[in-house]
Amino acid sequence: MGIMAFSPMGNTVVFTAASSAPTPVQAASSTTAANQYLVQNSGAFIVMLGVGSTAALATTNSANVTSTGLAIPLLPYTTQVFSLIPGAYFTGYCAATSQVYITPGDGC
């Protein structure tokens, strides 16, 4: 079994992370099979990404930066693929501002 390149399966969504988490965006897939997300931090600051099955949960998770917290740190100018729940909501905190792009799909 080989490694499959990332295949987009839905529209890219964007939010601007800031010192106060913005309204979460939902990265809806065009198929029910897509549970992977290509996430790009296009800014110069670390973004603490919150993900959840609802907008409220994504906001809560972005603020949970503890030893048992659920926030995912996105380093500046990086792109990562995550396997998460289908139809996830995303938001994030940042020391300044940084745009984050999310594309649902499949592959790595």
PDB file of N, CA and C in Angstrom:
ATOM      1  N   MET A   1       0.844  -1.175   0.000  1.00  0.00           N
ATOM      2  CA  MET A   1       0.000   0.000   0.000  1.00  0.00           C
ATOM      3  C   MET A   1       0.885   1.232   0.000  1.00  0.00           C
ATOM      4  N   GLY A   2       0.693   2.104  -0.967  1.00  0.00           N
ATOM      5  CA  GLY A   2       1.516   3.299  -1.080  1.00  0.00           C
ATOM      6  C   GLY A   2       0.916   4.488  -0.367  1.00  0.00           C
ATOM      7  N   ILE A   3       1.642   5.572  -0.378  1.00  0.00           N
ATOM      8  CA  ILE A   3       1.172   6.818   0.210  1.00  0.00           C
ATOM      9  C   ILE A   3       0.374   7.567  -0.840  1.00  0.00           C
ATOM     10  N   MET A   4      -0.826   7.974  -0.488  1.00  0.00           N
ATOM     11  CA  MET A   4      -1.693   8.690  -1.408  1.00  0.00           C
ATOM     12  C   MET A   4      -1.541  10.190  -1.196  1.00  0.00           C
ATOM     13  N   ALA A   5      -1.330  10.936  -2.285  1.00  0.00           N
ATOM     14  CA  ALA A   5      -1.255  12.392  -2.194  1.00  0.00           C
ATOM     15  C   ALA A   5      -2.583  12.957  -1.717  1.00  0.00           C
ATOM     16  N   PHE A   6      -2.553  14.119  -1.086  1.00  0.00           N
ATOM     17  CA  PHE A   6      -3.774  14.745  -0.588  1.00  0.00           C
ATOM     18  C   PHE A   6      -4.687  15.117  -1.751  1.00  0.00           C
ATOM     19  N   SER A   7      -5.947  14.736  -1.637  1.00  0.00           N
ATOM     20  CA  SER A   7      -6.967  15.050  -2.645  1.00  0.00           C
ATOM     21  C   SER A   7      -8.043  15.907  -1.993  1.00  0.00           C
ATOM     22  N   PRO A   8      -8.228  17.149  -2.442  1.00  0.00           N
ATOM     23  CA  PRO A   8      -9.276  17.998  -1.874  1.00  0.00           C
ATOM     24  C   PRO A   8     -10.660  17.398  -2.123  1.00  0.00           C
ATOM     25  N   MET A   9     -11.525  17.494  -1.119  1.00  0.00           N
ATOM     26  CA  MET A   9     -12.899  16.995  -1.221  1.00  0.00           C
ATOM     27  C   MET A   9     -13.858  17.992  -0.606  1.00  0.00           C
ATOM     28  N   GLY A  10     -13.685  19.252  -0.957  1.00  0.00           N
ATOM     29  CA  GLY A  10     -14.532  20.311  -0.422  1.00  0.00           C
ATOM     30  C   GLY A  10     -13.857  21.647  -0.591  1.00  0.00           C
ATOM     31  N   ASN A  11     -14.583  22.697  -0.282  1.00  0.00           N
ATOM     32  CA  ASN A  11     -14.046  24.041  -0.434  1.00  0.00           C
ATOM     33  C   ASN A  11     -13.105  24.406   0.703  1.00  0.00           C
ATOM     34  N   THR A  12     -12.088  25.192   0.386  1.00  0.00           N
ATOM     35  CA  THR A  12     -11.180  25.717   1.397  1.00  0.00           C
ATOM     36  C   THR A  12     -11.883  26.832   2.165  1.00  0.00           C
ATOM     37  N   VAL A  13     -11.724  26.806   3.487  1.00  0.00           N
ATOM     38  CA  VAL A  13     -12.254  27.872   4.340  1.00  0.00           C
ATOM     39  C   VAL A  13     -11.078  28.580   4.998  1.00  0.00           C
ATOM     40  N   VAL A  14     -11.299  29.797   5.445  1.00  0.00           N
ATOM     41  CA  VAL A  14     -10.225  30.584   6.053  1.00  0.00           C
ATOM     42  C   VAL A  14     -10.767  31.341   7.256  1.00  0.00           C
ATOM     43  N   PHE A  15      -9.906  31.512   8.268  1.00  0.00           N
ATOM     44  CA  PHE A  15     -10.215  32.401   9.376  1.00  0.00           C
ATOM     45  C   PHE A  15      -8.926  33.117   9.763  1.00  0.00           C
ATOM     46  N   THR A  16      -9.076  34.260  10.421  1.00  0.00           N
ATOM     47  CA  THR A  16      -7.913  35.006  10.894  1.00  0.00           C
ATOM     48  C   THR A  16      -7.805  34.821  12.394  1.00  0.00           C
ATOM     49  N   ALA A  17      -6.792  34.066  12.808  1.00  0.00           N
ATOM     50  CA  ALA A  17      -6.549  33.861  14.234  1.00  0.00           C
ATOM     51  C   ALA A  17      -6.094  35.186  14.840  1.00  0.00           C
ATOM     52  N   ALA A  18      -6.529  35.433  16.060  1.00  0.00           N
ATOM     53  CA  ALA A  18      -6.175  36.669  16.749  1.00  0.00           C
ATOM     54  C   ALA A  18      -6.151  36.417  18.254  1.00  0.00           C
ATOM     55  N   SER A  19      -5.905  37.475  19.039  1.00  0.00           N
ATOM     56  CA  SER A  19      -5.838  37.305  20.491  1.00  0.00           C
ATOM     57  C   SER A  19      -7.187  36.904  21.084  1.00  0.00           C
ATOM     58  N   SER A  20      -8.246  37.102  20.332  1.00  0.00           N
ATOM     59  CA  SER A  20      -9.571  36.607  20.686  1.00  0.00           C
ATOM     60  C   SER A  20     -10.018  35.717  19.525  1.00  0.00           C
ATOM     61  N   ALA A  21     -10.337  34.482  19.814  1.00  0.00           N
ATOM     62  CA  ALA A  21     -10.675  33.537  18.735  1.00  0.00           C
ATOM     63  C   ALA A  21     -11.872  34.037  17.937  1.00  0.00           C
ATOM     64  N   PRO A  22     -11.755  34.029  16.603  1.00  0.00           N
ATOM     65  CA  PRO A  22     -12.876  34.469  15.767  1.00  0.00           C
ATOM     66  C   PRO A  22     -13.977  33.406  15.713  1.00  0.00           C
ATOM     67  N   THR A  23     -15.087  33.762  15.104  1.00  0.00           N
ATOM     68  CA  THR A  23     -16.176  32.820  14.911  1.00  0.00           C
ATOM     69  C   THR A  23     -15.654  31.600  14.156  1.00  0.00           C
ATOM     70  N   PRO A  24     -15.867  30.403  14.669  1.00  0.00           N
ATOM     71  CA  PRO A  24     -15.366  29.200  13.998  1.00  0.00           C
ATOM     72  C   PRO A  24     -15.958  29.011  12.605  1.00  0.00           C
ATOM     73  N   VAL A  25     -15.162  28.383  11.741  1.00  0.00           N
ATOM     74  CA  VAL A  25     -15.608  28.039  10.395  1.00  0.00           C
ATOM     75  C   VAL A  25     -15.719  26.524  10.301  1.00  0.00           C
ATOM     76  N   GLN A  26     -16.663  26.055   9.487  1.00  0.00           N
ATOM     77  CA  GLN A  26     -16.818  24.620   9.283  1.00  0.00           C
ATOM     78  C   GLN A  26     -16.214  24.246   7.938  1.00  0.00           C
ATOM     79  N   ALA A  27     -15.360  23.230   7.940  1.00  0.00           N
ATOM     80  CA  ALA A  27     -14.755  22.713   6.716  1.00  0.00           C
ATOM     81  C   ALA A  27     -15.564  21.503   6.275  1.00  0.00           C
ATOM     82  N   ALA A  28     -16.628  21.767   5.533  1.00  0.00           N
ATOM     83  CA  ALA A  28     -17.530  20.711   5.101  1.00  0.00           C
ATOM     84  C   ALA A  28     -16.984  20.027   3.859  1.00  0.00           C
ATOM     85  N   SER A  29     -17.083  18.740   3.843  1.00  0.00           N
ATOM     86  CA  SER A  29     -16.607  17.931   2.733  1.00  0.00           C
ATOM     87  C   SER A  29     -17.720  17.707   1.720  1.00  0.00           C
ATOM     88  N   SER A  30     -17.322  17.505   0.470  1.00  0.00           N
ATOM     89  CA  SER A  30     -18.302  17.186  -0.566  1.00  0.00           C
ATOM     90  C   SER A  30     -18.657  15.705  -0.549  1.00  0.00           C
ATOM     91  N   THR A  31     -17.946  14.914   0.256  1.00  0.00           N
ATOM     92  CA  THR A  31     -18.251  13.491   0.429  1.00  0.00           C
ATOM     93  C   THR A  31     -18.269  13.189   1.921  1.00  0.00           C
ATOM     94  N   THR A  32     -18.876  12.104   2.308  1.00  0.00           N
ATOM     95  CA  THR A  32     -18.887  11.733   3.725  1.00  0.00           C
ATOM     96  C   THR A  32     -17.592  11.053   4.139  1.00  0.00           C
ATOM     97  N   ALA A  33     -16.756  10.706   3.184  1.00  0.00           N
ATOM     98  CA  ALA A  33     -15.536   9.963   3.481  1.00  0.00           C
ATOM     99  C   ALA A  33     -14.385  10.847   3.958  1.00  0.00           C
ATOM    100  N   ALA A  34     -14.424  12.134   3.659  1.00  0.00           N
ATOM    101  CA  ALA A  34     -13.284  13.002   3.972  1.00  0.00           C
ATOM    102  C   ALA A  34     -13.222  13.319   5.461  1.00  0.00           C
ATOM    103  N   ASN A  35     -12.173  12.838   6.117  1.00  0.00           N
ATOM    104  CA  ASN A  35     -11.958  13.174   7.515  1.00  0.00           C
ATOM    105  C   ASN A  35     -10.533  13.666   7.735  1.00  0.00           C
ATOM    106  N   GLN A  36      -9.870  14.044   6.656  1.00  0.00           N
ATOM    107  CA  GLN A  36      -8.541  14.625   6.768  1.00  0.00           C
ATOM    108  C   GLN A  36      -8.618  16.067   6.300  1.00  0.00           C
ATOM    109  N   TYR A  37      -7.733  16.896   6.870  1.00  0.00           N
ATOM    110  CA  TYR A  37      -7.753  18.319   6.586  1.00  0.00           C
ATOM    111  C   TYR A  37      -6.335  18.811   6.345  1.00  0.00           C
ATOM    112  N   LEU A  38      -6.167  19.536   5.257  1.00  0.00           N
ATOM    113  CA  LEU A  38      -4.914  20.216   4.959  1.00  0.00           C
ATOM    114  C   LEU A  38      -5.025  21.591   5.612  1.00  0.00           C
ATOM    115  N   VAL A  39      -4.163  21.866   6.601  1.00  0.00           N
ATOM    116  CA  VAL A  39      -4.242  23.100   7.380  1.00  0.00           C
ATOM    117  C   VAL A  39      -2.956  23.887   7.184  1.00  0.00           C
ATOM    118  N   GLN A  40      -3.103  25.155   6.780  1.00  0.00           N
ATOM    119  CA  GLN A  40      -1.940  26.006   6.534  1.00  0.00           C
ATOM    120  C   GLN A  40      -2.007  27.249   7.405  1.00  0.00           C
ATOM    121  N   ASN A  41      -0.943  27.486   8.172  1.00  0.00           N
ATOM    122  CA  ASN A  41      -0.781  28.730   8.931  1.00  0.00           C
ATOM    123  C   ASN A  41       0.079  29.647   8.064  1.00  0.00           C
ATOM    124  N   SER A  42      -0.507  30.680   7.502  1.00  0.00           N
ATOM    125  CA  SER A  42       0.231  31.544   6.576  1.00  0.00           C
ATOM    126  C   SER A  42       0.890  32.728   7.257  1.00  0.00           C
ATOM    127  N   GLY A  43       0.817  32.795   8.583  1.00  0.00           N
ATOM    128  CA  GLY A  43       1.364  33.933   9.308  1.00  0.00           C
ATOM    129  C   GLY A  43       2.657  33.641  10.043  1.00  0.00           C
ATOM    130  N   ALA A  44       3.176  34.687  10.679  1.00  0.00           N
ATOM    131  CA  ALA A  44       4.472  34.630  11.358  1.00  0.00           C
ATOM    132  C   ALA A  44       4.377  34.252  12.833  1.00  0.00           C
ATOM    133  N   PHE A  45       3.184  33.864  13.295  1.00  0.00           N
ATOM    134  CA  PHE A  45       2.990  33.551  14.702  1.00  0.00           C
ATOM    135  C   PHE A  45       2.381  32.161  14.873  1.00  0.00           C
ATOM    136  N   ILE A  46       2.658  31.536  16.019  1.00  0.00           N
ATOM    137  CA  ILE A  46       2.052  30.246  16.340  1.00  0.00           C
ATOM    138  C   ILE A  46       0.554  30.454  16.552  1.00  0.00           C
ATOM    139  N   VAL A  47      -0.252  29.573  15.983  1.00  0.00           N
ATOM    140  CA  VAL A  47      -1.698  29.588  16.179  1.00  0.00           C
ATOM    141  C   VAL A  47      -2.073  28.371  17.014  1.00  0.00           C
ATOM    142  N   MET A  48      -2.852  28.616  18.062  1.00  0.00           N
ATOM    143  CA  MET A  48      -3.377  27.519  18.868  1.00  0.00           C
ATOM    144  C   MET A  48      -4.734  27.166  18.277  1.00  0.00           C
ATOM    145  N   LEU A  49      -4.755  26.074  17.510  1.00  0.00           N
ATOM    146  CA  LEU A  49      -5.928  25.666  16.748  1.00  0.00           C
ATOM    147  C   LEU A  49      -6.909  24.905  17.622  1.00  0.00           C
ATOM    148  N   GLY A  50      -8.163  25.323  17.564  1.00  0.00           N
ATOM    149  CA  GLY A  50      -9.227  24.607  18.239  1.00  0.00           C
ATOM    150  C   GLY A  50     -10.099  23.912  17.216  1.00  0.00           C
ATOM    151  N   VAL A  51     -10.394  22.645  17.456  1.00  0.00           N
ATOM    152  CA  VAL A  51     -11.208  21.840  16.550  1.00  0.00           C
ATOM    153  C   VAL A  51     -12.331  21.225  17.364  1.00  0.00           C
ATOM    154  N   GLY A  52     -13.516  21.131  16.758  1.00  0.00           N
ATOM    155  CA  GLY A  52     -14.622  20.507  17.464  1.00  0.00           C
ATOM    156  C   GLY A  52     -15.751  20.125  16.539  1.00  0.00           C
ATOM    157  N   SER A  53     -16.672  19.345  17.070  1.00  0.00           N
ATOM    158  CA  SER A  53     -17.844  18.931  16.295  1.00  0.00           C
ATOM    159  C   SER A  53     -18.885  20.045  16.225  1.00  0.00           C
ATOM    160  N   THR A  54     -18.719  21.068  17.076  1.00  0.00           N
ATOM    161  CA  THR A  54     -19.582  22.248  17.056  1.00  0.00           C
ATOM    162  C   THR A  54     -18.704  23.491  17.124  1.00  0.00           C
ATOM    163  N   ALA A  55     -19.278  24.639  16.777  1.00  0.00           N
ATOM    164  CA  ALA A  55     -18.527  25.890  16.848  1.00  0.00           C
ATOM    165  C   ALA A  55     -18.109  26.195  18.290  1.00  0.00           C
ATOM    166  N   ALA A  56     -19.008  25.958  19.232  1.00  0.00           N
ATOM    167  CA  ALA A  56     -18.706  26.229  20.642  1.00  0.00           C
ATOM    168  C   ALA A  56     -17.550  25.362  21.144  1.00  0.00           C
ATOM    169  N   LEU A  57     -17.544  24.103  20.756  1.00  0.00           N
ATOM    170  CA  LEU A  57     -16.475  23.194  21.181  1.00  0.00           C
ATOM    171  C   LEU A  57     -15.134  23.592  20.570  1.00  0.00           C
ATOM    172  N   ALA A  58     -15.130  24.030  19.333  1.00  0.00           N
ATOM    173  CA  ALA A  58     -13.884  24.491  18.696  1.00  0.00           C
ATOM    174  C   ALA A  58     -13.318  25.691  19.448  1.00  0.00           C
ATOM    175  N   THR A  59     -14.187  26.621  19.841  1.00  0.00           N
ATOM    176  CA  THR A  59     -13.733  27.802  20.588  1.00  0.00           C
ATOM    177  C   THR A  59     -13.167  27.399  21.941  1.00  0.00           C
ATOM    178  N   THR A  60     -13.862  26.525  22.640  1.00  0.00           N
ATOM    179  CA  THR A  60     -13.386  26.038  23.941  1.00  0.00           C
ATOM    180  C   THR A  60     -12.039  25.344  23.802  1.00  0.00           C
ATOM    181  N   ASN A  61     -11.902  24.490  22.798  1.00  0.00           N
ATOM    182  CA  ASN A  61     -10.664  23.728  22.622  1.00  0.00           C
ATOM    183  C   ASN A  61      -9.482  24.614  22.240  1.00  0.00           C
ATOM    184  N   SER A  62      -9.715  25.708  21.530  1.00  0.00           N
ATOM    185  CA  SER A  62      -8.606  26.582  21.147  1.00  0.00           C
ATOM    186  C   SER A  62      -8.013  27.286  22.364  1.00  0.00           C
ATOM    187  N   ALA A  63      -8.815  27.490  23.391  1.00  0.00           N
ATOM    188  CA  ALA A  63      -8.350  28.166  24.598  1.00  0.00           C
ATOM    189  C   ALA A  63      -7.754  27.201  25.616  1.00  0.00           C
ATOM    190  N   ASN A  64      -7.832  25.912  25.369  1.00  0.00           N
ATOM    191  CA  ASN A  64      -7.393  24.901  26.319  1.00  0.00           C
ATOM    192  C   ASN A  64      -5.927  24.543  26.080  1.00  0.00           C
ATOM    193  N   VAL A  65      -5.041  25.455  26.517  1.00  0.00           N
ATOM    194  CA  VAL A  65      -3.603  25.257  26.345  1.00  0.00           C
ATOM    195  C   VAL A  65      -3.021  24.872  27.708  1.00  0.00           C
ATOM    196  N   THR A  66      -3.134  23.593  28.046  1.00  0.00           N
ATOM    197  CA  THR A  66      -2.623  23.057  29.305  1.00  0.00           C
ATOM    198  C   THR A  66      -1.925  21.735  29.003  1.00  0.00           C
ATOM    199  N   SER A  67      -1.410  21.100  30.038  1.00  0.00           N
ATOM    200  CA  SER A  67      -0.740  19.818  29.827  1.00  0.00           C
ATOM    201  C   SER A  67      -1.702  18.750  29.327  1.00  0.00           C
ATOM    202  N   THR A  68      -2.987  18.933  29.575  1.00  0.00           N
ATOM    203  CA  THR A  68      -3.987  17.979  29.086  1.00  0.00           C
ATOM    204  C   THR A  68      -4.919  18.643  28.075  1.00  0.00           C
ATOM    205  N   GLY A  69      -4.516  19.798  27.559  1.00  0.00           N
ATOM    206  CA  GLY A  69      -5.365  20.589  26.674  1.00  0.00           C
ATOM    207  C   GLY A  69      -5.549  19.992  25.303  1.00  0.00           C
ATOM    208  N   LEU A  70      -6.539  20.531  24.598  1.00  0.00           N
ATOM    209  CA  LEU A  70      -6.900  20.020  23.287  1.00  0.00           C
ATOM    210  C   LEU A  70      -6.466  20.933  22.151  1.00  0.00           C
ATOM    211  N   ALA A  71      -5.879  22.100  22.443  1.00  0.00           N
ATOM    212  CA  ALA A  71      -5.433  23.007  21.391  1.00  0.00           C
ATOM    213  C   ALA A  71      -4.237  22.396  20.650  1.00  0.00           C
ATOM    214  N   ILE A  72      -4.217  22.587  19.331  1.00  0.00           N
ATOM    215  CA  ILE A  72      -3.135  22.058  18.491  1.00  0.00           C
ATOM    216  C   ILE A  72      -2.265  23.230  18.050  1.00  0.00           C
ATOM    217  N   PRO A  73      -0.977  23.253  18.397  1.00  0.00           N
ATOM    218  CA  PRO A  73      -0.128  24.366  17.958  1.00  0.00           C
ATOM    219  C   PRO A  73       0.259  24.223  16.481  1.00  0.00           C
ATOM    220  N   LEU A  74       0.030  25.299  15.734  1.00  0.00           N
ATOM    221  CA  LEU A  74       0.455  25.356  14.332  1.00  0.00           C
ATOM    222  C   LEU A  74       1.623  26.326  14.248  1.00  0.00           C
ATOM    223  N   LEU A  75       2.781  25.827  13.864  1.00  0.00           N
ATOM    224  CA  LEU A  75       3.949  26.688  13.767  1.00  0.00           C
ATOM    225  C   LEU A  75       3.803  27.664  12.607  1.00  0.00           C
ATOM    226  N   PRO A  76       4.509  28.801  12.668  1.00  0.00           N
ATOM    227  CA  PRO A  76       4.414  29.793  11.595  1.00  0.00           C
ATOM    228  C   PRO A  76       4.797  29.203  10.237  1.00  0.00           C
ATOM    229  N   TYR A  77       4.100  29.634   9.214  1.00  0.00           N
ATOM    230  CA  TYR A  77       4.386  29.286   7.817  1.00  0.00           C
ATOM    231  C   TYR A  77       4.481  27.773   7.578  1.00  0.00           C
ATOM    232  N   THR A  78       3.599  27.015   8.202  1.00  0.00           N
ATOM    233  CA  THR A  78       3.623  25.562   8.007  1.00  0.00           C
ATOM    234  C   THR A  78       2.302  25.057   7.454  1.00  0.00           C
ATOM    235  N   THR A  79       2.374  23.887   6.848  1.00  0.00           N
ATOM    236  CA  THR A  79       1.195  23.189   6.347  1.00  0.00           C
ATOM    237  C   THR A  79       1.229  21.776   6.899  1.00  0.00           C
ATOM    238  N   GLN A  80       0.105  21.319   7.451  1.00  0.00           N
ATOM    239  CA  GLN A  80       0.011  19.989   8.035  1.00  0.00           C
ATOM    240  C   GLN A  80      -1.300  19.341   7.625  1.00  0.00           C
ATOM    241  N   VAL A  81      -1.306  18.011   7.605  1.00  0.00           N
ATOM    242  CA  VAL A  81      -2.535  17.255   7.358  1.00  0.00           C
ATOM    243  C   VAL A  81      -2.914  16.566   8.672  1.00  0.00           C
ATOM    244  N   PHE A  82      -4.172  16.731   9.068  1.00  0.00           N
ATOM    245  CA  PHE A  82      -4.693  16.123  10.285  1.00  0.00           C
ATOM    246  C   PHE A  82      -5.849  15.197   9.938  1.00  0.00           C
ATOM    247  N   SER A  83      -5.960  14.078  10.656  1.00  0.00           N
ATOM    248  CA  SER A  83      -7.121  13.192  10.569  1.00  0.00           C
ATOM    249  C   SER A  83      -8.020  13.534  11.750  1.00  0.00           C
ATOM    250  N   LEU A  84      -9.215  14.040  11.447  1.00  0.00           N
ATOM    251  CA  LEU A  84     -10.150  14.498  12.468  1.00  0.00           C
ATOM    252  C   LEU A  84     -11.553  14.036  12.119  1.00  0.00           C
ATOM    253  N   ILE A  85     -12.523  14.516  12.850  1.00  0.00           N
ATOM    254  CA  ILE A  85     -13.919  14.159  12.579  1.00  0.00           C
ATOM    255  C   ILE A  85     -14.404  14.826  11.292  1.00  0.00           C
ATOM    256  N   PRO A  86     -15.280  14.189  10.549  1.00  0.00           N
ATOM    257  CA  PRO A  86     -15.847  14.826   9.352  1.00  0.00           C
ATOM    258  C   PRO A  86     -16.665  16.066   9.717  1.00  0.00           C
ATOM    259  N   GLY A  87     -16.593  17.095   8.878  1.00  0.00           N
ATOM    260  CA  GLY A  87     -17.381  18.308   9.087  1.00  0.00           C
ATOM    261  C   GLY A  87     -16.957  19.127  10.288  1.00  0.00           C
ATOM    262  N   ALA A  88     -15.675  19.090  10.644  1.00  0.00           N
ATOM    263  CA  ALA A  88     -15.178  19.760  11.838  1.00  0.00           C
ATOM    264  C   ALA A  88     -15.246  21.287  11.718  1.00  0.00           C
ATOM    265  N   TYR A  89     -15.356  21.933  12.887  1.00  0.00           N
ATOM    266  CA  TYR A  89     -15.281  23.392  13.006  1.00  0.00           C
ATOM    267  C   TYR A  89     -13.888  23.759  13.491  1.00  0.00           C
ATOM    268  N   PHE A  90     -13.381  24.912  13.041  1.00  0.00           N
ATOM    269  CA  PHE A  90     -12.032  25.359  13.375  1.00  0.00           C
ATOM    270  C   PHE A  90     -12.024  26.827  13.780  1.00  0.00           C
ATOM    271  N   THR A  91     -11.185  27.164  14.748  1.00  0.00           N
ATOM    272  CA  THR A  91     -10.870  28.540  15.110  1.00  0.00           C
ATOM    273  C   THR A  91      -9.525  28.527  15.812  1.00  0.00           C
ATOM    274  N   GLY A  92      -8.989  29.695  16.181  1.00  0.00           N
ATOM    275  CA  GLY A  92      -7.702  29.682  16.850  1.00  0.00           C
ATOM    276  C   GLY A  92      -7.297  31.012  17.447  1.00  0.00           C
ATOM    277  N   TYR A  93      -6.412  30.909  18.434  1.00  0.00           N
ATOM    278  CA  TYR A  93      -5.819  32.069  19.090  1.00  0.00           C
ATOM    279  C   TYR A  93      -4.418  32.280  18.550  1.00  0.00           C
ATOM    280  N   CYS A  94      -3.977  33.545  18.577  1.00  0.00           N
ATOM    281  CA  CYS A  94      -2.652  33.892  18.076  1.00  0.00           C
ATOM    282  C   CYS A  94      -2.196  35.152  18.807  1.00  0.00           C
ATOM    283  N   ALA A  95      -0.881  35.339  18.977  1.00  0.00           N
ATOM    284  CA  ALA A  95      -0.355  36.517  19.663  1.00  0.00           C
ATOM    285  C   ALA A  95      -0.661  37.804  18.901  1.00  0.00           C
ATOM    286  N   ALA A  96      -0.728  37.740  17.596  1.00  0.00           N
ATOM    287  CA  ALA A  96      -1.055  38.905  16.765  1.00  0.00           C
ATOM    288  C   ALA A  96      -2.218  38.501  15.866  1.00  0.00           C
ATOM    289  N   THR A  97      -1.980  38.397  14.567  1.00  0.00           N
ATOM    290  CA  THR A  97      -2.988  37.845  13.657  1.00  0.00           C
ATOM    291  C   THR A  97      -2.294  36.943  12.646  1.00  0.00           C
ATOM    292  N   SER A  98      -3.016  35.951  12.196  1.00  0.00           N
ATOM    293  CA  SER A  98      -2.486  35.004  11.219  1.00  0.00           C
ATOM    294  C   SER A  98      -3.648  34.343  10.493  1.00  0.00           C
ATOM    295  N   GLN A  99      -3.580  34.290   9.182  1.00  0.00           N
ATOM    296  CA  GLN A  99      -4.638  33.607   8.437  1.00  0.00           C
ATOM    297  C   GLN A  99      -4.358  32.113   8.400  1.00  0.00           C
ATOM    298  N   VAL A 100      -5.433  31.332   8.609  1.00  0.00           N
ATOM    299  CA  VAL A 100      -5.343  29.875   8.595  1.00  0.00           C
ATOM    300  C   VAL A 100      -6.321  29.372   7.536  1.00  0.00           C
ATOM    301  N   TYR A 101      -5.811  28.540   6.630  1.00  0.00           N
ATOM    302  CA  TYR A 101      -6.609  27.961   5.555  1.00  0.00           C
ATOM    303  C   TYR A 101      -6.811  26.481   5.831  1.00  0.00           C
ATOM    304  N   ILE A 102      -8.026  25.981   5.627  1.00  0.00           N
ATOM    305  CA  ILE A 102      -8.346  24.577   5.885  1.00  0.00           C
ATOM    306  C   ILE A 102      -9.085  24.000   4.680  1.00  0.00           C
ATOM    307  N   THR A 103      -8.584  22.865   4.180  1.00  0.00           N
ATOM    308  CA  THR A 103      -9.217  22.178   3.056  1.00  0.00           C
ATOM    309  C   THR A 103      -9.524  20.753   3.474  1.00  0.00           C
ATOM    310  N   PRO A 104     -10.800  20.330   3.420  1.00  0.00           N
ATOM    311  CA  PRO A 104     -11.113  18.930   3.722  1.00  0.00           C
ATOM    312  C   PRO A 104     -10.722  18.037   2.560  1.00  0.00           C
ATOM    313  N   GLY A 105     -10.348  16.807   2.858  1.00  0.00           N
ATOM    314  CA  GLY A 105      -9.974  15.891   1.792  1.00  0.00           C
ATOM    315  C   GLY A 105      -9.527  14.554   2.316  1.00  0.00           C
ATOM    316  N   ASP A 106      -8.669  13.908   1.525  1.00  0.00           N
ATOM    317  CA  ASP A 106      -8.169  12.590   1.879  1.00  0.00           C
ATOM    318  C   ASP A 106      -6.736  12.460   1.369  1.00  0.00           C
ATOM    319  N   GLY A 107      -5.895  11.811   2.145  1.00  0.00           N
ATOM    320  CA  GLY A 107      -4.495  11.615   1.754  1.00  0.00           C
ATOM    321  C   GLY A 107      -3.561  12.405   2.633  1.00  0.00           C
ATOM    322  N   CYS A 108      -2.287  12.369   2.292  1.00  0.00           N
ATOM    323  CA  CYS A 108      -1.307  13.090   3.098  1.00  0.00           C
ATOM    324  C   CYS A 108      -0.374  13.922   2.248  1.00  0.00           C
TER     325      CYS A 108
END
